[in-house]
Protein backbone atom coordinates (compact mmCIF):
# COMPACT_ATOMS: atom_id res chain seq x y z
CA MET A 1 4.78 28.50 3.70
CA PRO A 2 1.42 29.31 5.33
CA LEU A 3 0.88 32.75 6.80
CA GLU A 4 -1.24 32.06 9.88
CA ALA A 5 -2.26 33.25 13.30
CA THR A 6 -2.72 30.18 15.49
CA MET A 7 -4.43 29.86 18.85
CA MET A 8 -3.71 26.64 20.77
CA ILE A 9 -6.32 25.55 23.32
CA ILE A 10 -4.78 23.17 25.84
CA ASP A 11 -6.47 20.75 28.21
CA ASN A 12 -5.78 21.56 31.88
CA SER A 13 -8.47 19.34 33.37
CA GLU A 14 -7.90 16.87 36.20
CA TYR A 15 -7.27 14.12 33.65
CA MET A 16 -3.98 15.76 32.70
CA ARG A 17 -2.38 14.35 35.84
CA ASN A 18 -2.63 10.86 34.34
CA GLY A 19 0.75 9.18 33.87
CA ASP A 20 -0.03 7.09 30.78
CA TYR A 21 2.16 9.53 28.83
CA VAL A 22 5.67 10.09 30.17
CA PRO A 23 5.98 11.84 32.52
CA SER A 24 2.29 12.88 32.41
CA ARG A 25 -0.39 13.83 29.93
CA PHE A 26 0.08 17.52 30.64
CA ASP A 27 3.85 17.38 30.12
CA ALA A 28 3.39 15.45 26.87
CA GLN A 29 0.90 18.11 25.79
CA ALA A 30 3.29 20.92 26.76
CA ASP A 31 6.05 19.35 24.66
CA ALA A 32 3.67 19.15 21.70
CA VAL A 33 2.70 22.82 22.17
CA ASN A 34 6.37 23.86 22.11
CA THR A 35 6.94 21.80 18.95
CA ILE A 36 3.95 23.31 17.16
CA PHE A 37 4.95 26.84 18.20
CA GLN A 38 8.51 26.42 16.94
CA THR A 39 7.33 24.86 13.66
CA LYS A 40 4.84 27.64 13.01
CA ILE A 41 7.35 30.42 13.71
CA ASP A 42 10.12 28.74 11.71
CA SER A 43 7.85 28.30 8.70
CA ASN A 44 7.12 32.04 8.48
CA PRO A 45 8.49 34.82 10.72
CA GLU A 46 5.20 36.72 10.35
CA ASN A 47 3.22 33.94 12.03
CA THR A 48 1.92 34.40 15.56
CA VAL A 49 0.84 31.81 18.12
CA GLY A 50 -1.31 32.14 21.22
CA VAL A 51 -2.10 29.74 24.08
CA MET A 52 -5.18 29.41 26.29
CA THR A 53 -6.73 26.88 28.67
CA MET A 54 -10.30 25.56 28.77
CA ALA A 55 -10.75 23.88 32.20
CA TYR A 56 -10.21 24.71 35.89
CA LYS A 57 -12.53 27.65 36.66
CA GLY A 58 -13.14 28.39 33.00
CA PRO A 59 -11.34 29.18 29.72
CA GLU A 60 -8.46 31.62 30.14
CA VAL A 61 -6.18 33.25 27.58
CA LEU A 62 -2.54 32.95 28.62
CA VAL A 63 -0.68 34.24 25.54
CA THR A 64 -2.03 36.15 22.54
CA HIS A 65 -0.33 36.62 19.16
CA SER A 66 3.21 35.98 20.33
CA LYS A 67 6.42 35.19 18.49
CA GLU A 68 8.41 34.56 21.67
CA LEU A 69 8.84 31.00 22.90
CA GLY A 70 9.52 32.29 26.41
CA GLN A 71 5.99 33.65 26.69
CA VAL A 72 4.54 30.30 25.66
CA ILE A 73 6.67 28.46 28.22
CA LYS A 74 5.56 30.90 30.91
CA GLY A 75 1.92 30.36 29.94
CA LEU A 76 2.32 26.57 30.12
CA HIS A 77 3.86 26.90 33.58
CA THR A 78 0.86 28.95 34.70
CA ALA A 79 -1.51 26.34 33.29
CA SER A 80 0.31 23.52 35.12
CA GLU A 81 -0.57 25.24 38.41
CA LYS A 82 -4.25 25.48 37.46
CA MET A 83 -5.31 21.92 36.69
CA GLY A 84 -8.75 20.67 37.63
CA GLY A 85 -12.37 20.60 36.60
CA TYR A 86 -13.67 19.74 33.14
CA ASN A 87 -13.16 21.14 29.67
CA ASP A 88 -15.50 23.73 28.19
CA ILE A 89 -14.59 23.28 24.54
CA PRO A 90 -17.33 25.40 22.89
CA THR A 91 -16.67 28.43 25.11
CA ALA A 92 -12.92 28.11 24.66
CA ILE A 93 -13.27 27.95 20.87
CA ASN A 94 -15.48 31.03 20.82
CA ILE A 95 -12.93 32.96 22.90
CA ALA A 96 -10.09 31.76 20.67
CA GLN A 97 -12.03 32.90 17.61
CA LEU A 98 -12.54 36.32 19.18
CA ALA A 99 -8.80 36.57 19.93
CA LEU A 100 -7.94 35.69 16.35
CA LYS A 101 -10.39 38.26 15.06
CA HIS A 102 -8.39 40.99 16.79
CA ARG A 103 -5.06 39.94 15.30
CA GLU A 104 -2.91 42.86 14.14
CA ASN A 105 -2.04 41.44 10.73
CA LYS A 106 -5.32 40.76 8.96
CA ASN A 107 -3.46 38.90 6.19
CA LEU A 108 -2.80 36.04 8.59
CA ARG A 109 -5.15 33.12 8.16
CA GLN A 110 -6.93 31.97 11.31
CA ARG A 111 -6.31 28.56 12.87
CA ILE A 112 -7.28 26.96 16.18
CA ILE A 113 -5.61 23.80 17.52
CA VAL A 114 -7.56 22.08 20.30
CA PHE A 115 -5.97 19.48 22.59
CA VAL A 116 -8.50 17.09 24.14
CA GLY A 117 -7.31 14.53 26.71
CA SER A 118 -10.45 14.09 28.79
CA PRO A 119 -14.12 13.09 28.26
CA LEU A 120 -16.45 15.58 26.60
CA GLN A 121 -18.81 17.38 28.93
CA GLY A 122 -21.98 19.40 28.44
CA ILE A 123 -22.45 21.07 25.06
CA ALA A 124 -19.18 19.56 23.80
CA ALA A 125 -20.86 16.12 23.85
CA ASP A 126 -23.88 17.37 21.88
CA GLU A 127 -23.25 16.68 18.20
CA ARG A 128 -25.93 19.10 17.01
CA GLU A 129 -24.47 22.01 18.98
CA MET A 130 -20.92 21.17 17.88
CA VAL A 131 -21.98 21.05 14.22
CA LYS A 132 -23.65 24.44 14.64
CA LEU A 133 -20.41 25.84 16.08
CA ALA A 134 -18.41 24.26 13.24
CA LYS A 135 -20.54 25.97 10.61
CA LYS A 136 -20.05 29.29 12.35
CA LEU A 137 -16.27 28.83 12.30
CA LYS A 138 -16.35 27.80 8.67
CA LYS A 139 -18.34 30.92 7.79
CA ASN A 140 -15.66 33.04 9.47
CA ASN A 141 -12.83 31.19 7.65
CA VAL A 142 -11.37 29.69 10.83
CA ALA A 143 -9.60 26.35 10.44
CA VAL A 144 -9.66 23.97 13.40
CA ASP A 145 -7.34 21.04 14.20
CA VAL A 146 -8.38 18.68 17.00
CA VAL A 147 -5.72 16.59 18.77
CA VAL A 148 -7.23 13.83 20.90
CA PHE A 149 -4.92 11.80 23.13
CA GLY A 150 -5.27 9.50 26.10
CA ASP A 151 -8.02 6.98 26.71
CA GLY A 152 -10.68 9.34 28.04
CA ILE A 153 -12.56 9.72 24.75
CA GLU A 154 -15.26 7.14 24.09
CA GLU A 155 -16.37 6.04 20.61
CA GLY A 156 -19.53 8.14 20.70
CA GLU A 157 -17.57 11.24 21.74
CA SER A 158 -15.09 10.58 18.94
CA ASN A 159 -17.98 10.65 16.46
CA VAL A 160 -18.99 14.07 17.80
CA LEU A 161 -15.50 15.44 17.13
CA LYS A 162 -15.48 13.81 13.71
CA ALA A 163 -18.77 15.49 12.80
CA PHE A 164 -17.35 18.77 14.09
CA THR A 165 -14.24 18.60 11.87
CA GLU A 166 -16.28 17.51 8.86
CA ASN A 167 -18.44 20.60 9.11
CA VAL A 168 -15.68 23.08 9.96
CA SER A 169 -13.39 21.98 7.12
CA SER A 170 -13.29 24.32 4.14
CA ALA A 171 -11.07 23.67 1.13
CA ASP A 172 -9.24 20.89 2.98
CA ASN A 173 -7.94 23.05 5.83
CA SER A 174 -8.90 21.15 9.00
CA TYR A 175 -7.75 17.92 10.60
CA ALA A 176 -8.59 15.73 13.55
CA VAL A 177 -5.77 13.82 15.20
CA SER A 178 -6.57 11.25 17.84
CA SER A 179 -5.01 8.33 19.64
CA LEU A 180 -6.98 6.11 17.26
CA THR A 181 -7.26 7.96 13.97
CA VAL A 182 -6.21 11.01 12.03
CA GLU A 183 -9.08 12.41 10.00
CA ARG A 184 -8.60 14.87 7.18
CA VAL A 185 -11.94 15.78 5.65
CA SER A 186 -12.45 18.00 2.60
CA ARG A 187 -15.41 19.11 0.55
CA LEU A 188 -13.53 17.93 -2.54
CA MET A 189 -11.72 14.80 -1.35
CA ASP A 190 -11.71 12.58 1.71
CA TYR A 191 -8.26 11.64 3.02
CA ARG A 192 -8.15 9.13 5.88
CA HIS A 193 -4.95 8.51 7.82
CA LEU A 194 -4.48 6.05 10.66
CA LEU A 195 -2.10 7.23 13.37
CA SER A 196 -2.07 5.17 16.55
CA VAL A 197 -0.66 7.02 19.55
CA PRO A 198 -0.70 4.48 22.38
CA PRO A 199 0.70 5.48 25.75
CA GLY A 200 4.38 4.67 26.03
CA PRO A 201 7.89 6.09 25.92
CA HIS A 202 7.35 7.83 22.57
CA LEU A 203 6.46 11.51 22.39
CA LEU A 204 3.08 12.94 21.47
CA SER A 205 4.92 15.74 19.65
CA ASP A 206 6.60 13.20 17.35
CA MET A 207 3.22 11.82 16.35
CA ILE A 208 1.85 15.29 15.61
CA ILE A 209 4.85 16.48 13.61
CA SER A 210 4.62 13.33 11.48
CA SER A 211 0.94 13.97 10.74
CA PRO A 212 -0.50 16.23 7.98
CA ILE A 213 -1.23 18.97 10.54
CA LEU A 214 2.27 20.45 10.29
CA ALA A 215 3.12 19.14 6.80
CA GLU A 216 2.49 22.46 5.06
CA ASP A 217 4.46 24.37 7.69
CA ARG A 218 7.42 22.09 7.04
CA GLY A 219 7.19 22.54 3.28
CA ILE A 220 5.79 19.07 2.64
CA PRO A 221 2.63 18.70 0.53
CA PRO A 222 0.07 16.77 2.63
CA GLY A 223 -0.49 14.35 -0.27
CA VAL A 224 3.15 13.26 -0.13
CA MET A 225 2.71 12.24 3.48
CA GLY A 226 1.04 9.06 2.30
CA THR A 227 -1.36 7.14 4.42
CA PRO A 228 0.18 6.28 7.75
CA GLY A 229 -0.55 2.82 9.03
CA PRO A 230 -0.88 1.47 12.53
CA SER A 231 2.09 2.32 14.69
CA ASP A 232 4.29 -0.27 16.27
CA ALA A 233 5.40 -0.28 19.90
CA SER A 234 7.94 2.45 19.25
CA GLY A 235 5.31 4.73 17.77
CA THR A 236 6.67 4.69 14.21
CA ALA A 237 4.15 4.37 11.37
CA ASP A 238 4.17 2.04 8.35
CA PHE A 239 4.83 4.57 5.62
CA GLU A 240 5.06 3.85 1.92
CA PHE A 241 8.47 2.34 1.02
CA GLY A 242 9.22 2.25 4.77
CA VAL A 243 10.32 5.91 4.75
CA ASP A 244 8.66 8.72 6.71
CA PRO A 245 8.24 11.58 4.17
CA SER A 246 8.16 14.13 6.99
CA LEU A 247 11.66 13.11 8.06
CA ASP A 248 13.24 12.61 4.62
CA PRO A 249 10.99 14.05 1.89
CA GLU A 250 13.72 13.91 -0.79
CA LEU A 251 14.30 10.17 -0.29
CA ALA A 252 10.56 9.48 -0.25
CA MET A 253 10.10 11.43 -3.49
CA ALA A 254 13.06 9.65 -5.13
CA LEU A 255 11.62 6.25 -4.19
CA ARG A 256 8.23 7.24 -5.54
CA MET A 257 9.74 8.41 -8.85
CA SER A 258 11.78 5.21 -9.11
CA MET A 259 8.64 3.15 -8.64
CA GLU A 260 6.80 5.13 -11.32
CA GLU A 261 9.70 4.68 -13.76
CA GLU A 262 9.72 0.94 -13.13
CA GLN A 263 5.98 0.76 -13.74
CA ALA A 264 6.40 2.69 -17.01
CA ARG A 265 9.19 0.32 -18.12
CA GLN A 266 7.08 -2.74 -17.41
CA ALA A 267 4.14 -1.22 -19.30
CA ALA A 268 6.41 -0.57 -22.33
CA GLU A 269 7.66 -4.16 -22.29
CA GLU A 270 4.11 -5.48 -22.12
CA GLN A 271 3.11 -3.29 -25.06
CA ALA A 272 6.10 -4.52 -27.09
CA ARG A 273 5.10 -8.14 -26.41
CA GLN A 274 1.57 -7.44 -27.61
CA VAL A 275 2.86 -5.82 -30.81
CA ALA A 276 5.09 -8.85 -31.48
CA ALA A 277 2.17 -11.22 -30.91
CA ASN A 278 -0.01 -9.27 -33.34
CA ALA A 279 2.76 -9.26 -35.96
CA SER A 280 3.10 -13.06 -35.79
CA THR A 281 -0.58 -13.60 -36.59
CA PRO A 282 -0.33 -13.05 -40.43
CA VAL A 283 2.60 -15.51 -40.60
CA THR A 284 0.48 -18.17 -38.96
CA ALA A 285 -2.36 -17.42 -41.37
CA ARG A 286 -0.01 -17.83 -44.34
CA ALA A 287 1.17 -21.15 -42.93
CA ASP A 288 -2.45 -22.27 -42.67
CA ASP A 289 -3.07 -21.22 -46.28
CA ALA A 290 -0.02 -23.17 -47.38
CA ALA A 291 -1.28 -26.21 -45.55
CA SER A 292 -4.65 -25.76 -47.22
CA ASP A 293 -2.97 -25.58 -50.63
CA GLY A 294 -1.10 -28.77 -49.78
CA ASP A 295 -4.38 -30.46 -48.99
CA ASP A 296 -5.79 -29.36 -52.35
CA ASP A 297 -2.73 -30.78 -54.09
CA ASP A 298 -3.17 -34.05 -52.25
CA ALA A 299 -6.81 -34.19 -53.32
CA MET A 300 -5.87 -33.57 -56.95
CA LEU A 301 -3.13 -36.19 -56.73
CA GLN A 302 -5.54 -38.74 -55.31
CA GLN A 303 -7.99 -37.94 -58.08
CA ALA A 304 -5.30 -38.36 -60.72
CA ILE A 305 -4.19 -41.67 -59.22
CA ALA A 306 -7.78 -42.88 -59.23
CA MET A 307 -8.04 -41.94 -62.88
CA SER A 308 -4.80 -43.72 -63.60
CA GLU A 309 -6.07 -46.84 -61.85
CA GLY A 310 -9.11 -46.78 -64.06
CA HIS A 311 -6.85 -46.71 -67.17
CA ASP A 312 -6.80 -50.47 -67.72
CA VAL A 313 -10.54 -50.77 -67.36
CA ASP A 314 -11.10 -47.99 -69.82
CA MET A 315 -8.57 -49.58 -72.17
CA GLU A 316 -10.46 -52.79 -72.08
CA ALA A 317 -13.69 -50.88 -72.49
CA GLY A 318 -12.26 -49.02 -75.50
CA GLY A 319 -12.10 -45.52 -73.94
CA GLU A 320 -10.18 -42.52 -75.28
CA ASP A 321 -6.39 -43.23 -74.97
CA GLU A 322 -5.24 -39.61 -75.30
CA ASP A 323 -7.22 -38.37 -72.33
CA GLU A 324 -6.08 -41.24 -70.14
CA GLU A 325 -2.42 -40.73 -71.10
CA ALA A 326 -2.65 -37.01 -70.29
CA ALA A 327 -4.17 -37.79 -66.87
CA ILE A 328 -1.40 -40.30 -66.15
CA ALA A 329 1.26 -37.74 -67.11
CA ARG A 330 -0.22 -35.14 -64.80
CA ALA A 331 -0.38 -37.68 -61.99
CA ILE A 332 3.28 -38.60 -62.45
CA GLU A 333 4.28 -34.91 -62.57
CA MET A 334 2.38 -34.08 -59.40
CA SER A 335 3.82 -37.15 -57.66
CA MET A 336 7.37 -36.06 -58.53
CA LYS A 337 6.70 -32.56 -57.19
CA ARG A 338 5.29 -34.04 -53.99
CA ASP A 339 8.44 -36.16 -53.53
CA GLN A 340 10.68 -33.10 -54.07
CA GLN A 341 8.75 -31.12 -51.45
CA ASP A 342 9.06 -33.97 -48.94
CA GLN A 343 12.83 -34.13 -49.50
CA LYS A 344 13.21 -30.40 -48.85
CA LYS A 345 11.44 -30.65 -45.49
CA PRO A 346 13.89 -31.06 -42.53
């Protein structure tokens, strides 16, 4: 289980009053924060989680390095009373990085989870500045997960966040989760997951806990998560074999092993058929040789018959009787053998 100090940056802008998530975007976000906190603490008792806001009058740290859920709930309640303005993502990330730097246990890895439910403003919309910030975080070994929800993010702004996560990721440690896509970018491999989170009765926390962000905390290798497909109206994803590995990893693994065994069995059968086909080839060749020998015998027989037909002419012409009699005897012998072979055939 990962040993981490996590700082969650929540969105408390005016857009959080939107009711496209039940009962509102902020409440859906608060539920997701509680879920992430509980998952992190349950995965390792040494883990710590902090919470801060990034809108209203400016970024504000509400909870630092806590293991108590009550403190997180209190911080969320404070944030709900301070909603307004626009997000200042770069400043909030810098403050979160500073808070993580002063963690008591230096063995804890550093992670920042940013919730974005409103349009990007100022420096946050500048791809060059965001890439510069990402490289700084990567140099300081800070992993960043970006959770984008709601309909406030345009395509161009989504590309800015994608570029940010691509540059901050080090050794496959950062993700970007949005209402349209889940991006997991690594220097070694490029995993792409599609996780649609449309507004509706489903919970944002359910979508996050089913994504690779919390897979390691739940003891599930991210690779086993598969590639989620587009969600249906209920918010469930089209997982491999129709089973969500995050909910039932043992069943998903058993199904995967069963599929691999079936593929191995089919490959063995195909190999056995090829071996049998190769073994039948010499038999066919021998049959062809036998047919060729039969043709030679037929040619010799025809030749002998021709010689026998010329017997009377040669007799009249005064030819050698002994040679003609020998040819006739051979012709009769070969004819008898031919008849015996024909009788033996079915």
